[in-house]
């Protein structure tokens, strides 16, 4: 039987898939990164603002330090923080400038000024987020109070401290600007985190502070 002509020509099909394939690859890569984040496989030091992770009442020693503040100081990832959390300590330092008006027996007047630094050790407990994180990863540190204080306390008499010179001709001036020892200025409290003898300042009193989100 002779062939019958169909009356039309079948042309080869040609499609440019390069643009679509590139877009598809980009989407796949983004989905893969998202999967890693959701799985908790991305383990890098916290990069959020340090001051926003810290609260501290210097009167009571009560407060909180988010894990990111510690990680940023030592360059630790989550695994490093988990390993070293038990060795972390906290303290704050405060400097005060005190003055007192003094009177000489011959009628001379003088104002004595002294600077005193105090270091306050804080008690701390590691904070976990067990409900949100079944592995009990560290989320920060609860500051639970004052553990101890070091440094010289200002005396009650700067004209003749401790009556070290019983025959001193200098005595407090009752009519002076500072008849008793008075703190006239000083630096705000500075909070330090310490590990293995290495300390880093992580906060200064007066900075804006909000509790850190508990990031697993």
N, C-alpha and C. Protein backbone atom coordinates (compact mmCIF):
# COMPACT_ATOMS: atom_id res chain seq x y z
N UNK A 1 0.86 -1.19 0.00
CA UNK A 1 0.00 0.00 0.00
C UNK A 1 0.89 1.23 0.00
N UNK A 2 0.61 2.16 -0.86
CA UNK A 2 1.45 3.37 -0.93
C UNK A 2 1.22 4.25 0.28
N UNK A 3 2.30 4.93 0.68
CA UNK A 3 2.21 5.84 1.82
C UNK A 3 1.35 7.04 1.47
N UNK A 4 0.64 7.48 2.50
CA UNK A 4 -0.16 8.68 2.32
C UNK A 4 0.54 9.86 3.00
N UNK A 5 0.59 10.95 2.28
CA UNK A 5 1.18 12.15 2.86
C UNK A 5 0.22 12.75 3.89
N UNK A 6 0.78 13.13 5.04
CA UNK A 6 -0.07 13.66 6.10
C UNK A 6 -0.45 15.12 5.87
N UNK A 7 0.32 15.77 5.05
CA UNK A 7 -0.05 17.14 4.74
C UNK A 7 0.56 18.16 5.67
N UNK A 8 1.35 17.72 6.68
CA UNK A 8 2.04 18.70 7.53
C UNK A 8 3.37 18.11 7.96
N UNK A 9 4.22 18.99 8.40
CA UNK A 9 5.59 18.60 8.76
C UNK A 9 5.76 18.69 10.28
N UNK A 10 6.30 17.63 10.90
CA UNK A 10 6.56 17.62 12.35
C UNK A 10 7.91 18.25 12.59
N UNK A 11 7.91 19.36 13.27
CA UNK A 11 9.15 20.08 13.54
C UNK A 11 9.74 19.62 14.87
N UNK A 12 11.07 19.67 15.01
CA UNK A 12 11.70 19.30 16.29
C UNK A 12 11.34 20.31 17.37
N UNK A 13 11.09 19.77 18.58
CA UNK A 13 10.72 20.63 19.70
C UNK A 13 11.97 21.20 20.35
N UNK A 14 11.98 22.51 20.58
CA UNK A 14 13.15 23.16 21.17
C UNK A 14 12.68 24.08 22.29
N UNK A 15 13.24 23.88 23.50
CA UNK A 15 12.89 24.74 24.64
C UNK A 15 14.18 25.19 25.33
N UNK A 16 14.18 26.43 25.78
CA UNK A 16 15.34 26.96 26.51
C UNK A 16 15.05 26.83 28.01
N UNK A 17 15.68 25.84 28.60
CA UNK A 17 15.43 25.57 30.01
C UNK A 17 16.45 26.20 30.94
N UNK A 18 17.42 26.91 30.40
CA UNK A 18 18.52 27.41 31.24
C UNK A 18 18.02 28.35 32.32
N UNK A 19 17.12 29.29 31.98
CA UNK A 19 16.62 30.26 32.96
C UNK A 19 15.81 29.57 34.04
N UNK A 20 14.93 28.65 33.64
CA UNK A 20 14.10 27.94 34.61
C UNK A 20 14.95 27.07 35.52
N UNK A 21 15.97 26.44 34.95
CA UNK A 21 16.83 25.56 35.75
C UNK A 21 17.61 26.35 36.79
N UNK A 22 18.09 27.53 36.40
CA UNK A 22 18.84 28.38 37.33
C UNK A 22 17.96 28.79 38.51
N UNK A 23 16.73 29.18 38.22
CA UNK A 23 15.80 29.57 39.28
C UNK A 23 15.50 28.38 40.19
N UNK A 24 15.32 27.22 39.59
CA UNK A 24 15.03 26.03 40.38
C UNK A 24 16.18 25.69 41.30
N UNK A 25 17.40 25.79 40.78
CA UNK A 25 18.58 25.51 41.62
C UNK A 25 18.66 26.47 42.79
N UNK A 26 18.33 27.74 42.55
CA UNK A 26 18.37 28.74 43.61
C UNK A 26 17.36 28.40 44.70
N UNK A 27 16.16 27.99 44.29
CA UNK A 27 15.13 27.63 45.25
C UNK A 27 15.56 26.43 46.08
N UNK A 28 16.16 25.43 45.41
CA UNK A 28 16.61 24.22 46.11
C UNK A 28 17.65 24.55 47.16
N UNK A 29 18.59 25.45 46.80
CA UNK A 29 19.63 25.83 47.76
C UNK A 29 19.04 26.54 48.96
N UNK A 30 18.08 27.42 48.74
CA UNK A 30 17.47 28.14 49.85
C UNK A 30 16.70 27.18 50.76
N UNK A 31 16.02 26.22 50.18
CA UNK A 31 15.30 25.23 50.98
C UNK A 31 16.26 24.38 51.80
N UNK A 32 17.42 24.07 51.21
CA UNK A 32 18.41 23.27 51.92
C UNK A 32 18.95 24.03 53.12
N UNK A 33 19.23 25.33 52.96
CA UNK A 33 19.72 26.15 54.07
C UNK A 33 18.67 26.25 55.17
N UNK A 34 17.40 26.41 54.76
CA UNK A 34 16.33 26.50 55.73
C UNK A 34 16.21 25.20 56.52
N UNK A 35 16.39 24.08 55.85
CA UNK A 35 16.32 22.79 56.53
C UNK A 35 17.41 22.66 57.57
N UNK A 36 18.61 23.15 57.25
CA UNK A 36 19.72 23.09 58.21
C UNK A 36 19.42 23.94 59.44
N UNK A 37 18.87 25.10 59.21
CA UNK A 37 18.55 25.98 60.33
C UNK A 37 17.50 25.35 61.23
N UNK A 38 16.46 24.79 60.63
CA UNK A 38 15.40 24.18 61.41
C UNK A 38 15.89 22.95 62.15
N UNK A 39 16.85 22.27 61.60
CA UNK A 39 17.39 21.07 62.24
C UNK A 39 18.39 21.40 63.33
N UNK A 40 18.78 22.67 63.44
CA UNK A 40 19.73 23.06 64.46
C UNK A 40 21.15 22.72 64.11
N UNK A 41 21.44 22.51 62.83
CA UNK A 41 22.78 22.13 62.42
C UNK A 41 23.70 23.32 62.27
N UNK A 42 23.15 24.51 62.11
CA UNK A 42 23.98 25.69 61.99
C UNK A 42 24.32 26.14 63.39
N UNK A 43 25.60 26.08 63.76
CA UNK A 43 26.04 26.29 65.13
C UNK A 43 27.11 27.35 65.15
N UNK A 44 26.70 28.63 65.27
CA UNK A 44 27.66 29.73 65.25
C UNK A 44 27.44 30.61 66.45
N UNK A 45 28.44 31.40 66.84
CA UNK A 45 28.28 32.31 67.97
C UNK A 45 27.15 33.28 67.74
N UNK A 46 26.52 33.69 68.84
CA UNK A 46 25.44 34.65 68.74
C UNK A 46 25.98 36.00 68.26
N UNK A 47 25.24 36.70 67.41
CA UNK A 47 25.70 37.97 66.86
C UNK A 47 24.81 39.14 67.27
N UNK A 48 23.80 38.89 68.10
CA UNK A 48 22.90 39.97 68.47
C UNK A 48 23.57 40.90 69.47
N UNK A 49 22.95 42.05 69.71
CA UNK A 49 23.54 43.06 70.58
C UNK A 49 23.80 42.52 71.97
N UNK A 50 25.03 42.73 72.46
CA UNK A 50 25.41 42.22 73.77
C UNK A 50 24.59 42.88 74.87
N UNK A 51 24.49 44.22 74.82
CA UNK A 51 23.82 44.92 75.91
C UNK A 51 22.35 44.55 76.02
N UNK A 52 21.71 44.16 74.91
CA UNK A 52 20.29 43.82 74.95
C UNK A 52 20.04 42.48 75.60
N UNK A 53 21.10 41.74 75.93
CA UNK A 53 20.95 40.41 76.52
C UNK A 53 21.21 40.42 78.02
N UNK A 54 21.41 41.58 78.62
CA UNK A 54 21.87 41.65 80.00
C UNK A 54 20.97 42.56 80.83
N UNK A 55 20.62 42.08 82.02
CA UNK A 55 19.97 42.91 83.03
C UNK A 55 20.71 42.68 84.34
N UNK A 56 20.85 43.73 85.14
CA UNK A 56 21.54 43.60 86.43
C UNK A 56 21.11 44.72 87.36
N UNK A 57 20.68 44.33 88.55
CA UNK A 57 20.44 45.27 89.64
C UNK A 57 21.69 45.23 90.52
N UNK A 58 22.51 46.28 90.48
CA UNK A 58 23.78 46.25 91.20
C UNK A 58 23.58 46.29 92.72
N UNK A 59 22.40 46.68 93.17
CA UNK A 59 22.14 46.71 94.61
C UNK A 59 21.96 45.30 95.16
N UNK A 60 21.26 44.46 94.41
CA UNK A 60 20.96 43.10 94.88
C UNK A 60 21.81 42.03 94.21
N UNK A 61 22.38 42.34 93.05
CA UNK A 61 23.13 41.33 92.30
C UNK A 61 22.25 40.40 91.51
N UNK A 62 20.98 40.76 91.36
CA UNK A 62 20.02 39.93 90.62
C UNK A 62 19.98 40.39 89.17
N UNK A 63 19.97 39.42 88.25
CA UNK A 63 19.89 39.79 86.84
C UNK A 63 19.98 38.58 85.94
N UNK A 64 20.26 38.83 84.67
CA UNK A 64 20.35 37.76 83.68
C UNK A 64 21.35 38.15 82.61
N UNK A 65 22.15 37.18 82.17
CA UNK A 65 23.09 37.37 81.06
C UNK A 65 22.76 36.35 79.99
N UNK A 66 22.35 36.80 78.81
CA UNK A 66 22.04 35.89 77.71
C UNK A 66 23.29 35.20 77.19
N UNK A 67 23.11 34.05 76.60
CA UNK A 67 24.25 33.25 76.15
C UNK A 67 25.07 33.98 75.09
N UNK A 68 24.42 34.82 74.28
CA UNK A 68 25.14 35.51 73.21
C UNK A 68 26.22 36.43 73.73
N UNK A 69 25.99 37.05 74.91
CA UNK A 69 27.00 37.95 75.48
C UNK A 69 28.26 37.19 75.83
N UNK A 70 28.10 35.97 76.32
CA UNK A 70 29.25 35.15 76.69
C UNK A 70 29.93 34.59 75.45
N UNK A 71 29.13 34.11 74.50
CA UNK A 71 29.71 33.55 73.28
C UNK A 71 30.50 34.60 72.50
N UNK A 72 29.97 35.81 72.44
CA UNK A 72 30.67 36.87 71.71
C UNK A 72 32.01 37.19 72.35
N UNK A 73 32.07 37.13 73.68
CA UNK A 73 33.29 37.48 74.39
C UNK A 73 34.41 36.47 74.15
N UNK A 74 34.05 35.20 74.09
CA UNK A 74 35.07 34.16 73.97
C UNK A 74 35.12 33.50 72.60
N UNK A 75 34.22 33.90 71.70
CA UNK A 75 34.22 33.31 70.35
C UNK A 75 33.75 31.88 70.33
N UNK A 76 32.87 31.51 71.25
CA UNK A 76 32.39 30.13 71.34
C UNK A 76 31.14 29.94 70.48
N UNK A 77 31.01 28.74 69.94
CA UNK A 77 29.73 28.34 69.36
C UNK A 77 28.91 27.67 70.46
N UNK A 78 27.76 27.13 70.11
CA UNK A 78 26.91 26.52 71.13
C UNK A 78 27.59 25.36 71.85
N UNK A 79 28.34 24.56 71.10
CA UNK A 79 29.02 23.42 71.71
C UNK A 79 30.06 23.89 72.72
N UNK A 80 30.79 24.96 72.37
CA UNK A 80 31.79 25.50 73.29
C UNK A 80 31.15 26.04 74.56
N UNK A 81 30.01 26.70 74.42
CA UNK A 81 29.31 27.21 75.59
C UNK A 81 28.82 26.07 76.47
N UNK A 82 28.27 25.03 75.84
CA UNK A 82 27.80 23.88 76.60
C UNK A 82 28.93 23.28 77.44
N UNK A 83 30.11 23.18 76.83
CA UNK A 83 31.25 22.55 77.51
C UNK A 83 31.77 23.39 78.67
N UNK A 84 31.78 24.72 78.49
CA UNK A 84 32.46 25.59 79.45
C UNK A 84 31.54 26.34 80.41
N UNK A 85 30.24 26.14 80.28
CA UNK A 85 29.29 26.93 81.07
C UNK A 85 29.54 26.83 82.57
N UNK A 86 29.95 25.67 83.04
CA UNK A 86 30.15 25.47 84.47
C UNK A 86 31.32 26.26 85.04
N UNK A 87 32.22 26.74 84.18
CA UNK A 87 33.38 27.47 84.64
C UNK A 87 33.27 28.98 84.52
N UNK A 88 32.09 29.46 84.13
CA UNK A 88 31.88 30.89 83.93
C UNK A 88 31.56 31.57 85.26
N UNK A 89 32.18 32.72 85.52
CA UNK A 89 31.85 33.53 86.69
C UNK A 89 31.59 34.97 86.25
N UNK A 90 30.91 35.71 87.11
CA UNK A 90 30.56 37.10 86.81
C UNK A 90 30.91 37.99 88.00
N UNK A 91 31.29 39.21 87.70
CA UNK A 91 31.57 40.20 88.74
C UNK A 91 31.37 41.59 88.13
N UNK A 92 31.21 42.58 88.99
CA UNK A 92 31.18 43.94 88.47
C UNK A 92 32.08 44.83 89.31
N UNK A 93 32.60 45.86 88.67
CA UNK A 93 33.47 46.82 89.33
C UNK A 93 32.82 48.20 89.28
N UNK A 94 33.02 48.94 90.35
CA UNK A 94 32.49 50.30 90.41
C UNK A 94 33.54 51.18 91.08
N UNK A 95 33.72 52.35 90.55
CA UNK A 95 34.70 53.30 91.08
C UNK A 95 33.99 54.55 91.58
N UNK A 96 34.36 54.96 92.79
CA UNK A 96 33.76 56.16 93.37
C UNK A 96 34.82 57.17 93.77
N UNK A 97 34.54 58.43 93.56
CA UNK A 97 35.42 59.52 93.98
C UNK A 97 34.77 60.21 95.17
N UNK A 98 35.50 60.27 96.28
CA UNK A 98 34.97 60.82 97.53
C UNK A 98 35.76 62.07 97.92
N UNK A 99 35.07 63.00 98.56
CA UNK A 99 35.70 64.24 98.99
C UNK A 99 35.27 64.61 100.41
N UNK A 100 36.14 65.35 101.07
CA UNK A 100 35.81 65.88 102.39
C UNK A 100 36.54 67.20 102.60
N UNK A 101 35.84 68.13 103.18
CA UNK A 101 36.42 69.43 103.52
C UNK A 101 37.17 69.31 104.84
N UNK A 102 38.40 69.82 104.85
CA UNK A 102 39.23 69.72 106.04
C UNK A 102 39.67 71.11 106.50
N UNK A 103 39.88 71.22 107.81
CA UNK A 103 40.25 72.50 108.41
C UNK A 103 41.55 72.35 109.19
N UNK A 104 42.48 73.23 108.94
CA UNK A 104 43.77 73.23 109.65
C UNK A 104 43.64 74.02 110.95
N UNK A 105 44.43 73.64 111.91
CA UNK A 105 44.36 74.32 113.21
C UNK A 105 44.69 75.80 113.09
N UNK A 106 45.47 76.14 112.06
CA UNK A 106 45.84 77.55 111.86
C UNK A 106 44.81 78.30 111.03
N UNK A 107 43.73 77.64 110.68
CA UNK A 107 42.66 78.30 109.95
C UNK A 107 42.65 78.03 108.46
N UNK A 108 43.56 77.23 107.94
CA UNK A 108 43.59 76.92 106.51
C UNK A 108 42.50 75.91 106.17
N UNK A 109 42.04 75.98 104.92
CA UNK A 109 41.00 75.05 104.44
C UNK A 109 41.54 74.22 103.28
N UNK A 110 41.10 72.99 103.19
CA UNK A 110 41.53 72.08 102.13
C UNK A 110 40.45 71.04 101.87
N UNK A 111 40.32 70.66 100.62
CA UNK A 111 39.40 69.57 100.27
C UNK A 111 40.22 68.37 99.83
N UNK A 112 40.02 67.25 100.51
CA UNK A 112 40.75 66.01 100.20
C UNK A 112 39.88 65.15 99.29
N UNK A 113 40.50 64.63 98.26
CA UNK A 113 39.78 63.78 97.31
C UNK A 113 40.48 62.44 97.17
N UNK A 114 39.72 61.35 97.24
CA UNK A 114 40.27 60.00 97.11
C UNK A 114 39.37 59.17 96.19
N UNK A 115 40.01 58.24 95.45
CA UNK A 115 39.28 57.34 94.56
C UNK A 115 39.33 55.92 95.12
N UNK A 116 38.20 55.27 95.16
CA UNK A 116 38.13 53.91 95.67
C UNK A 116 37.43 53.03 94.64
N UNK A 117 37.99 51.83 94.44
CA UNK A 117 37.40 50.86 93.50
C UNK A 117 36.92 49.64 94.29
N UNK A 118 35.72 49.19 93.93
CA UNK A 118 35.13 48.03 94.59
C UNK A 118 34.80 46.97 93.54
N UNK A 119 35.14 45.72 93.85
CA UNK A 119 34.79 44.60 92.98
C UNK A 119 33.78 43.72 93.69
N UNK A 120 32.67 43.44 93.03
CA UNK A 120 31.59 42.64 93.62
C UNK A 120 31.45 41.34 92.84
N UNK A 121 31.67 40.22 93.53
CA UNK A 121 31.50 38.91 92.91
C UNK A 121 30.02 38.52 92.95
N UNK A 122 29.54 37.96 91.85
CA UNK A 122 28.13 37.60 91.75
C UNK A 122 27.95 36.09 91.71
N UNK A 123 26.89 35.63 92.35
CA UNK A 123 26.51 34.22 92.22
C UNK A 123 25.72 34.05 90.93
N UNK A 124 25.93 32.92 90.26
CA UNK A 124 25.24 32.71 88.98
C UNK A 124 24.87 31.24 88.83
N UNK A 125 23.78 31.01 88.13
CA UNK A 125 23.32 29.66 87.83
C UNK A 125 23.04 29.56 86.34
N UNK A 126 23.45 28.47 85.74
CA UNK A 126 23.24 28.26 84.31
C UNK A 126 21.75 28.12 84.04
N UNK A 127 21.26 28.82 83.01
CA UNK A 127 19.84 28.77 82.65
C UNK A 127 19.66 27.86 81.44
N UNK A 128 18.63 27.02 81.50
CA UNK A 128 18.29 26.13 80.40
C UNK A 128 16.88 26.42 79.93
N UNK A 129 16.55 25.94 78.74
CA UNK A 129 15.18 26.04 78.22
C UNK A 129 14.71 24.64 77.89
N UNK A 130 14.45 23.85 78.92
CA UNK A 130 14.14 22.44 78.72
C UNK A 130 12.86 22.22 77.93
N UNK A 131 11.88 23.09 78.14
CA UNK A 131 10.60 22.87 77.45
C UNK A 131 10.71 23.11 75.95
N UNK A 132 11.53 24.08 75.57
CA UNK A 132 11.67 24.38 74.15
C UNK A 132 12.81 23.60 73.51
N UNK A 133 13.66 23.06 74.35
CA UNK A 133 14.86 22.39 73.84
C UNK A 133 15.06 21.09 74.59
N UNK A 134 14.72 19.96 74.01
CA UNK A 134 14.85 18.69 74.72
C UNK A 134 16.28 18.34 75.10
N UNK A 135 17.28 18.97 74.48
CA UNK A 135 18.67 18.69 74.80
C UNK A 135 19.18 19.57 75.94
N UNK A 136 18.32 20.41 76.52
CA UNK A 136 18.69 21.27 77.64
C UNK A 136 19.91 22.14 77.33
N UNK A 137 19.93 22.76 76.17
CA UNK A 137 21.04 23.63 75.82
C UNK A 137 21.00 24.91 76.66
N UNK A 138 22.19 25.44 76.93
CA UNK A 138 22.30 26.65 77.73
C UNK A 138 21.70 27.84 76.99
N UNK A 139 20.87 28.60 77.69
CA UNK A 139 20.29 29.81 77.09
C UNK A 139 20.83 31.08 77.74
N UNK A 140 21.53 30.94 78.85
CA UNK A 140 22.09 32.10 79.52
C UNK A 140 22.44 31.78 80.95
N UNK A 141 22.58 32.84 81.76
CA UNK A 141 22.99 32.69 83.15
C UNK A 141 22.13 33.59 84.03
N UNK A 142 21.51 33.00 85.04
CA UNK A 142 20.75 33.76 86.01
C UNK A 142 21.69 34.27 87.09
N UNK A 143 21.77 35.58 87.26
CA UNK A 143 22.56 36.17 88.33
C UNK A 143 21.68 36.19 89.57
N UNK A 144 22.11 35.50 90.62
CA UNK A 144 21.22 35.23 91.75
C UNK A 144 21.55 36.02 93.01
N UNK A 145 22.57 36.87 92.98
CA UNK A 145 22.86 37.67 94.16
C UNK A 145 24.34 37.97 94.30
N UNK A 146 24.68 38.69 95.35
CA UNK A 146 26.07 39.08 95.62
C UNK A 146 26.75 38.01 96.45
N UNK A 147 27.88 37.52 95.96
CA UNK A 147 28.62 36.46 96.64
C UNK A 147 29.73 37.02 97.53
N UNK A 148 30.27 38.17 97.21
CA UNK A 148 31.35 38.73 98.01
C UNK A 148 31.80 40.06 97.43
N UNK A 149 32.52 40.81 98.24
CA UNK A 149 33.00 42.14 97.84
C UNK A 149 34.47 42.29 98.18
N UNK A 150 35.23 42.85 97.26
CA UNK A 150 36.65 43.10 97.49
C UNK A 150 36.96 44.55 97.18
N UNK A 151 38.01 45.08 97.83
CA UNK A 151 38.37 46.47 97.61
C UNK A 151 38.28 47.28 98.89
N UNK A 152 38.86 48.44 98.89
CA UNK A 152 38.86 49.30 100.08
C UNK A 152 37.57 50.11 100.15
N UNK A 153 36.97 50.08 101.31
CA UNK A 153 35.80 50.92 101.54
C UNK A 153 36.28 52.31 101.94
N UNK A 154 35.60 53.34 101.50
CA UNK A 154 36.02 54.70 101.87
C UNK A 154 35.92 54.90 103.38
N UNK A 155 36.92 55.53 103.98
CA UNK A 155 36.88 55.77 105.43
C UNK A 155 35.86 56.85 105.77
N UNK A 156 35.60 56.97 107.03
CA UNK A 156 34.65 58.00 107.47
C UNK A 156 35.32 59.35 107.67
N UNK A 157 36.66 59.37 107.57
CA UNK A 157 37.40 60.60 107.78
C UNK A 157 38.58 60.64 106.80
N UNK A 158 38.52 61.53 105.83
CA UNK A 158 39.62 61.67 104.87
C UNK A 158 40.67 62.68 105.35
N UNK A 159 40.30 63.49 106.31
CA UNK A 159 41.26 64.49 106.81
C UNK A 159 42.35 63.81 107.64
N UNK A 160 41.94 62.81 108.42
CA UNK A 160 42.87 62.04 109.24
C UNK A 160 42.34 60.62 109.33
N UNK A 161 42.46 59.84 108.22
CA UNK A 161 41.83 58.51 108.15
C UNK A 161 42.25 57.60 109.30
N UNK A 162 41.23 57.06 109.96
CA UNK A 162 41.49 56.11 111.03
C UNK A 162 42.23 56.71 112.20
N UNK A 163 42.24 58.03 112.29
CA UNK A 163 42.98 58.71 113.36
C UNK A 163 44.42 58.22 113.42
N UNK A 164 45.00 58.03 112.21
CA UNK A 164 46.37 57.54 112.12
C UNK A 164 47.38 58.52 112.70
N UNK A 165 47.01 59.79 112.77
CA UNK A 165 47.87 60.81 113.37
C UNK A 165 47.08 61.52 114.47
N UNK A 166 47.17 61.01 115.69
CA UNK A 166 46.36 61.58 116.78
C UNK A 166 46.59 63.07 116.98
N UNK A 167 47.78 63.53 116.65
CA UNK A 167 48.08 64.94 116.86
C UNK A 167 47.94 65.75 115.58
N UNK A 168 47.25 65.20 114.59
CA UNK A 168 47.10 65.89 113.32
C UNK A 168 46.41 67.24 113.51
N UNK A 169 46.87 68.20 112.75
CA UNK A 169 46.26 69.54 112.84
C UNK A 169 45.11 69.69 111.86
N UNK A 170 44.82 68.61 111.07
CA UNK A 170 43.72 68.65 110.12
C UNK A 170 42.52 67.89 110.69
N UNK A 171 41.40 68.52 110.67
CA UNK A 171 40.16 67.92 111.14
C UNK A 171 39.05 68.25 110.15
N UNK A 172 37.95 67.48 110.16
CA UNK A 172 36.83 67.80 109.26
C UNK A 172 36.33 69.22 109.50
N UNK A 173 36.02 69.90 108.39
CA UNK A 173 35.55 71.28 108.45
C UNK A 173 34.02 71.29 108.47
N UNK A 174 33.42 71.62 109.59
CA UNK A 174 31.95 71.57 109.69
C UNK A 174 31.27 72.59 108.80
N UNK A 175 32.01 73.61 108.37
CA UNK A 175 31.42 74.65 107.53
C UNK A 175 31.82 74.52 106.06
N UNK A 176 32.54 73.47 105.73
CA UNK A 176 32.99 73.27 104.35
C UNK A 176 31.90 72.68 103.47
N UNK A 177 32.21 72.56 102.18
CA UNK A 177 31.23 72.00 101.23
C UNK A 177 30.92 70.54 101.55
N UNK A 178 31.91 69.82 102.07
CA UNK A 178 31.73 68.40 102.39
C UNK A 178 32.22 68.15 103.81
N UNK A 179 31.43 68.49 104.81
CA UNK A 179 31.84 68.29 106.20
C UNK A 179 32.04 66.82 106.56
N UNK A 180 31.38 65.92 105.84
CA UNK A 180 31.58 64.48 106.00
C UNK A 180 32.01 63.91 104.65
N UNK A 181 32.57 62.71 104.68
CA UNK A 181 33.01 62.07 103.44
C UNK A 181 31.81 61.89 102.51
N UNK A 182 31.93 62.41 101.28
CA UNK A 182 30.82 62.43 100.33
C UNK A 182 31.29 61.95 98.97
N UNK A 183 30.53 61.04 98.37
CA UNK A 183 30.86 60.62 97.01
C UNK A 183 30.37 61.69 96.05
N UNK A 184 31.30 62.26 95.30
CA UNK A 184 30.96 63.35 94.40
C UNK A 184 30.85 62.92 92.94
N UNK A 185 31.48 61.82 92.60
CA UNK A 185 31.39 61.31 91.23
C UNK A 185 31.91 59.87 91.22
N UNK A 186 31.98 59.30 90.05
CA UNK A 186 32.46 57.92 89.92
C UNK A 186 32.01 57.33 88.61
N UNK A 187 32.51 56.16 88.32
CA UNK A 187 32.16 55.49 87.08
C UNK A 187 30.99 54.55 87.32
N UNK A 188 30.16 54.31 86.30
CA UNK A 188 29.07 53.35 86.45
C UNK A 188 29.62 51.94 86.59
N UNK A 189 28.82 51.06 87.15
CA UNK A 189 29.25 49.68 87.33
C UNK A 189 29.53 49.02 85.98
N UNK A 190 30.61 48.26 85.92
CA UNK A 190 30.99 47.54 84.70
C UNK A 190 30.96 46.05 85.00
N UNK A 191 30.18 45.30 84.23
CA UNK A 191 30.02 43.86 84.44
C UNK A 191 31.04 43.09 83.61
N UNK A 192 31.68 42.10 84.25
CA UNK A 192 32.69 41.28 83.60
C UNK A 192 32.29 39.81 83.63
N UNK A 193 32.64 39.10 82.57
CA UNK A 193 32.51 37.65 82.54
C UNK A 193 33.92 37.07 82.51
N UNK A 194 34.14 36.02 83.29
CA UNK A 194 35.48 35.45 83.43
C UNK A 194 35.44 33.94 83.20
N UNK A 195 36.44 33.46 82.47
CA UNK A 195 36.62 32.02 82.28
C UNK A 195 38.11 31.72 82.22
N UNK A 196 38.57 30.78 83.03
CA UNK A 196 39.97 30.36 83.06
C UNK A 196 40.92 31.54 83.23
N UNK A 197 40.54 32.47 84.08
CA UNK A 197 41.40 33.60 84.38
C UNK A 197 41.35 34.74 83.37
N UNK A 198 40.55 34.61 82.33
CA UNK A 198 40.43 35.65 81.31
C UNK A 198 39.08 36.36 81.48
N UNK A 199 39.13 37.68 81.58
CA UNK A 199 37.90 38.45 81.81
C UNK A 199 37.62 39.40 80.65
N UNK A 200 36.33 39.60 80.37
CA UNK A 200 35.89 40.53 79.34
C UNK A 200 34.75 41.37 79.91
N UNK A 201 34.79 42.68 79.66
CA UNK A 201 33.68 43.53 80.05
C UNK A 201 32.55 43.35 79.05
N UNK A 202 31.34 43.11 79.55
CA UNK A 202 30.22 42.83 78.66
C UNK A 202 29.06 43.82 78.83
N UNK A 203 29.14 44.70 79.84
CA UNK A 203 28.00 45.58 80.08
C UNK A 203 28.43 46.72 80.98
N UNK A 204 27.83 47.90 80.77
CA UNK A 204 28.04 49.05 81.62
C UNK A 204 26.69 49.54 82.13
N UNK A 205 26.60 49.82 83.40
CA UNK A 205 25.35 50.26 84.00
C UNK A 205 24.82 51.51 83.28
N UNK A 206 23.55 51.48 82.98
CA UNK A 206 22.94 52.59 82.25
C UNK A 206 22.67 52.28 80.80
N UNK A 207 23.28 51.20 80.29
CA UNK A 207 23.01 50.80 78.91
C UNK A 207 21.59 50.26 78.81
N UNK A 208 21.00 50.43 77.63
CA UNK A 208 19.69 49.86 77.38
C UNK A 208 19.79 48.35 77.47
N UNK A 209 18.88 47.73 78.21
CA UNK A 209 18.97 46.28 78.39
C UNK A 209 17.59 45.65 78.37
N UNK A 210 17.49 44.57 77.65
CA UNK A 210 16.26 43.78 77.59
C UNK A 210 16.66 42.32 77.72
N UNK A 211 15.75 41.53 78.23
CA UNK A 211 16.04 40.10 78.39
C UNK A 211 16.27 39.47 77.03
N UNK A 212 17.24 38.57 76.96
CA UNK A 212 17.55 37.89 75.71
C UNK A 212 16.52 36.83 75.39
N UNK A 213 16.17 36.69 74.14
CA UNK A 213 15.31 35.60 73.73
C UNK A 213 16.04 34.29 73.97
N UNK A 214 15.32 33.30 74.43
CA UNK A 214 15.93 32.00 74.69
C UNK A 214 16.06 31.24 73.39
N UNK A 215 17.20 31.40 72.75
CA UNK A 215 17.44 30.74 71.47
C UNK A 215 18.05 29.37 71.71
N UNK A 216 17.46 28.31 71.24
CA UNK A 216 18.03 26.98 71.50
C UNK A 216 19.36 26.79 70.83
